[in-house]
Amino acid sequence: MRTANRTKPKTAFGIEVRLFTAQTGMNMKELAENAGVKYTTLVETTTGRCAGRQLIPAVRRYMDDYQREET
């Protein structure tokens, strides 16, 4: 008998965000604040509940800039 999987699977963007937060030690709230987006919208976008047409480019731009500064 299988148990219910109660977690929502991550989108490709959600996986990208998780990798970034794991590599940098930054949490999702810090990422949202630094990228200038709402935390709840960021969470919903990573699980596919929200389209994030404006959010995804803003967060990706921040992640790219952050990684460029680190190297």
Protein backbone atom coordinates (compact mmCIF):
# COMPACT_ATOMS: atom_id res chain seq x y z
CA MET A 1 0.00 0.00 0.00
CA ARG A 2 1.34 3.41 -0.94
CA THR A 3 1.26 6.44 1.30
CA ALA A 4 0.11 9.80 0.04
CA ASN A 5 2.82 12.15 -1.14
CA ARG A 6 1.82 15.43 0.45
CA THR A 7 4.65 17.57 -0.87
CA LYS A 8 4.23 19.33 -4.16
CA PRO A 9 6.88 18.46 -6.73
CA LYS A 10 9.20 21.29 -7.66
CA THR A 11 9.24 22.87 -11.10
CA ALA A 12 12.51 23.28 -13.02
CA PHE A 13 12.73 26.80 -11.58
CA GLY A 14 12.06 25.40 -8.11
CA ILE A 15 14.96 22.98 -8.44
CA GLU A 16 17.17 25.82 -9.67
CA VAL A 17 16.23 27.89 -6.60
CA ARG A 18 16.86 24.95 -4.24
CA LEU A 19 20.31 24.36 -5.72
CA PHE A 20 21.15 28.04 -5.36
CA THR A 21 20.02 28.18 -1.74
CA ALA A 22 21.92 24.98 -0.93
CA GLN A 23 25.12 26.29 -2.52
CA THR A 24 24.98 29.73 -0.90
CA GLY A 25 23.45 28.89 2.47
CA MET A 26 20.78 31.51 1.83
CA ASN A 27 17.21 30.67 2.75
CA MET A 28 14.14 31.34 0.61
CA LYS A 29 13.08 34.39 2.63
CA GLU A 30 16.49 36.00 2.20
CA LEU A 31 16.46 35.22 -1.52
CA ALA A 32 13.02 36.78 -1.94
CA GLU A 33 14.00 39.87 0.04
CA ASN A 34 17.29 40.34 -1.83
CA ALA A 35 15.65 39.82 -5.23
CA GLY A 36 12.84 42.24 -4.37
CA VAL A 37 9.97 39.76 -4.71
CA LYS A 38 7.29 38.45 -2.37
CA TYR A 39 8.24 35.33 -0.43
CA THR A 40 4.84 33.68 -0.85
CA THR A 41 4.87 34.23 -4.60
CA LEU A 42 8.37 32.77 -4.82
CA VAL A 43 7.27 29.65 -2.96
CA GLU A 44 4.17 29.28 -5.13
CA THR A 45 6.23 29.70 -8.30
CA THR A 46 8.65 26.93 -7.29
CA THR A 47 5.75 24.47 -6.98
CA GLY A 48 3.87 25.54 -10.10
CA ARG A 49 0.94 27.23 -8.37
CA CYS A 50 1.84 30.62 -9.83
CA ALA A 51 3.14 31.54 -13.29
CA GLY A 52 5.76 34.03 -12.08
CA ARG A 53 6.25 35.83 -15.39
CA GLN A 54 7.88 38.79 -13.67
CA LEU A 55 9.26 36.99 -10.64
CA ILE A 56 11.35 34.32 -12.40
CA PRO A 57 13.48 36.77 -14.44
CA ALA A 58 14.05 38.97 -11.36
CA VAL A 59 15.16 36.04 -9.20
CA ARG A 60 17.35 34.56 -11.94
CA ARG A 61 18.99 37.96 -12.48
CA TYR A 62 19.74 38.21 -8.75
CA MET A 63 21.11 34.65 -8.61
CA ASP A 64 23.35 35.29 -11.64
CA ASP A 65 24.65 38.57 -10.18
CA TYR A 66 25.28 36.92 -6.81
CA GLN A 67 27.24 34.06 -8.36
CA ARG A 68 29.29 36.48 -10.49
CA GLU A 69 30.23 38.47 -7.39
CA GLU A 70 31.31 35.30 -5.57
CA THR A 71 33.69 34.16 -8.29
